[in-house]
Amino acid sequence: MGFPFPLGIPFPCTSLVHSTFVLVYFQGSPGYWPPEVLEHRPFNPRTADVWALGVTLHVLLTSRLPFGGDSAVNVDEDRALTMMRRGLDLSPSGPSRSVRLSAAVIELLRGLLHYVTEVS
């Protein structure tokens, strides 16, 4: 089985303006975008990087995006947001069911890919 996702750096490009985190632009593959970007809300670039790290780790461990899409650039944004709001499904019947993950890895992934409703 080949690796279905590009191995480029998926982390967002952001800028600091007036000592406040402000979205100036966002680059990267939609499969790695945090929910705030998909919802067109201001976001904290540090938490966006943590989210992208969680997606990267999930892809490395399972060869799948955690919230759907058949590639990092072909993602149904509405469906992905619905899945993000429900939370990461790492159950034996979930989308990553073909891979057994330890409890510690599951806890780490859930922590990295936790849906946040407010900018921190």
Protein backbone atom coordinates (compact mmCIF):
# COMPACT_ATOMS: atom_id res chain seq x y z
CA MET A 1 0.00 0.00 0.00
CA GLY A 2 1.47 3.34 -1.06
CA PHE A 3 1.45 6.45 1.06
CA PRO A 4 -1.57 8.48 -0.18
CA PHE A 5 -0.53 11.90 1.07
CA PRO A 6 2.24 14.30 0.08
CA LEU A 7 5.05 14.49 2.58
CA GLY A 8 5.36 18.27 2.31
CA ILE A 9 5.22 20.43 5.41
CA PRO A 10 1.50 20.86 6.21
CA PHE A 11 1.86 23.50 8.90
CA PRO A 12 0.04 26.80 8.48
CA CYS A 13 1.80 30.02 7.58
CA THR A 14 0.73 32.84 9.85
CA SER A 15 1.88 36.27 10.93
CA LEU A 16 1.87 38.25 14.14
CA VAL A 17 0.45 41.75 13.92
CA HIS A 18 0.50 44.25 16.81
CA SER A 19 1.46 41.52 19.32
CA THR A 20 -1.84 39.77 18.69
CA PHE A 21 -2.33 36.56 16.79
CA VAL A 22 -4.17 37.51 13.63
CA LEU A 23 -4.89 35.45 10.56
CA VAL A 24 -3.05 37.11 7.70
CA TYR A 25 -3.12 34.14 5.37
CA PHE A 26 -3.27 30.40 5.70
CA GLN A 27 -1.42 28.02 3.45
CA GLY A 28 -1.31 24.29 3.40
CA SER A 29 -3.40 21.33 2.49
CA PRO A 30 -7.06 21.49 3.61
CA GLY A 31 -6.76 18.06 5.24
CA TYR A 32 -4.41 19.62 7.80
CA TRP A 33 -6.44 22.78 8.48
CA PRO A 34 -7.84 23.24 11.99
CA PRO A 35 -11.58 23.74 12.44
CA GLU A 36 -11.17 27.49 13.01
CA VAL A 37 -9.83 27.93 9.48
CA LEU A 38 -12.61 25.82 7.97
CA GLU A 39 -15.12 27.95 9.90
CA HIS A 40 -13.44 31.18 8.74
CA ARG A 41 -12.74 32.26 12.33
CA PRO A 42 -9.64 33.95 13.72
CA PHE A 43 -7.20 31.38 15.04
CA ASN A 44 -4.15 31.06 17.23
CA PRO A 45 -1.27 29.92 15.01
CA ARG A 46 0.27 27.89 17.84
CA THR A 47 -2.85 25.79 18.31
CA ALA A 48 -3.18 25.51 14.52
CA ASP A 49 0.34 24.06 14.42
CA VAL A 50 -0.55 21.60 17.18
CA TRP A 51 -3.61 20.55 15.16
CA ALA A 52 -1.49 20.05 12.01
CA LEU A 53 0.98 18.02 14.07
CA GLY A 54 -1.89 15.81 15.26
CA VAL A 55 -3.08 15.29 11.68
CA THR A 56 0.49 14.49 10.59
CA LEU A 57 0.92 11.94 13.39
CA HIS A 58 -2.45 10.36 12.59
CA VAL A 59 -1.52 10.05 8.90
CA LEU A 60 1.88 8.56 9.74
CA LEU A 61 0.28 5.96 12.04
CA THR A 62 -2.81 5.07 9.99
CA SER A 63 -2.15 6.25 6.40
CA ARG A 64 -5.49 8.10 6.59
CA LEU A 65 -6.63 11.62 7.29
CA PRO A 66 -8.43 11.71 10.65
CA PHE A 67 -11.48 13.62 9.39
CA GLY A 68 -12.09 12.23 5.93
CA GLY A 69 -10.94 13.08 2.46
CA ASP A 70 -9.26 10.87 -0.07
CA SER A 71 -6.20 13.13 -0.19
CA ALA A 72 -4.80 16.05 1.75
CA VAL A 73 -6.16 18.47 -0.85
CA ASN A 74 -9.47 16.78 -1.64
CA VAL A 75 -11.50 17.27 1.54
CA ASP A 76 -15.22 17.90 1.92
CA GLU A 77 -14.96 20.81 4.35
CA ASP A 78 -18.53 20.55 5.69
CA ARG A 79 -18.17 16.81 6.31
CA ALA A 80 -14.75 17.32 7.92
CA LEU A 81 -16.16 20.00 10.26
CA THR A 82 -19.02 17.71 11.30
CA MET A 83 -16.52 14.95 12.08
CA MET A 84 -14.25 17.38 13.98
CA ARG A 85 -17.14 18.55 16.14
CA ARG A 86 -18.00 14.94 17.02
CA GLY A 87 -14.42 14.19 17.98
CA LEU A 88 -11.74 11.85 16.73
CA ASP A 89 -13.10 8.32 16.21
CA LEU A 90 -10.38 5.81 17.02
CA SER A 91 -12.77 3.02 17.98
CA PRO A 92 -12.29 -0.48 16.54
CA SER A 93 -15.18 0.22 14.14
CA GLY A 94 -13.95 3.72 13.20
CA PRO A 95 -12.16 4.86 10.04
CA SER A 96 -8.74 3.86 11.41
CA ARG A 97 -9.90 0.38 12.39
CA SER A 98 -7.23 -1.38 10.32
CA VAL A 99 -4.52 -0.13 12.70
CA ARG A 100 -4.20 -0.98 16.38
CA LEU A 101 -3.06 2.00 18.42
CA SER A 102 -2.01 1.93 22.04
CA ALA A 103 -4.08 3.73 24.66
CA ALA A 104 -1.28 6.29 25.09
CA VAL A 105 -1.19 7.07 21.35
CA ILE A 106 -5.00 7.37 21.24
CA GLU A 107 -4.90 9.79 24.18
CA LEU A 108 -2.15 11.82 22.48
CA LEU A 109 -4.05 12.02 19.17
CA ARG A 110 -7.27 13.01 20.91
CA GLY A 111 -5.40 15.73 22.80
CA LEU A 112 -3.76 17.09 19.65
CA LEU A 113 -6.99 16.93 17.61
CA HIS A 114 -9.38 18.36 20.18
CA TYR A 115 -12.00 20.70 18.71
CA VAL A 116 -11.73 24.12 20.39
CA THR A 117 -14.66 26.54 20.16
CA GLU A 118 -12.76 29.69 21.18
CA VAL A 119 -9.42 31.18 20.21
CA SER A 120 -6.95 30.93 23.08
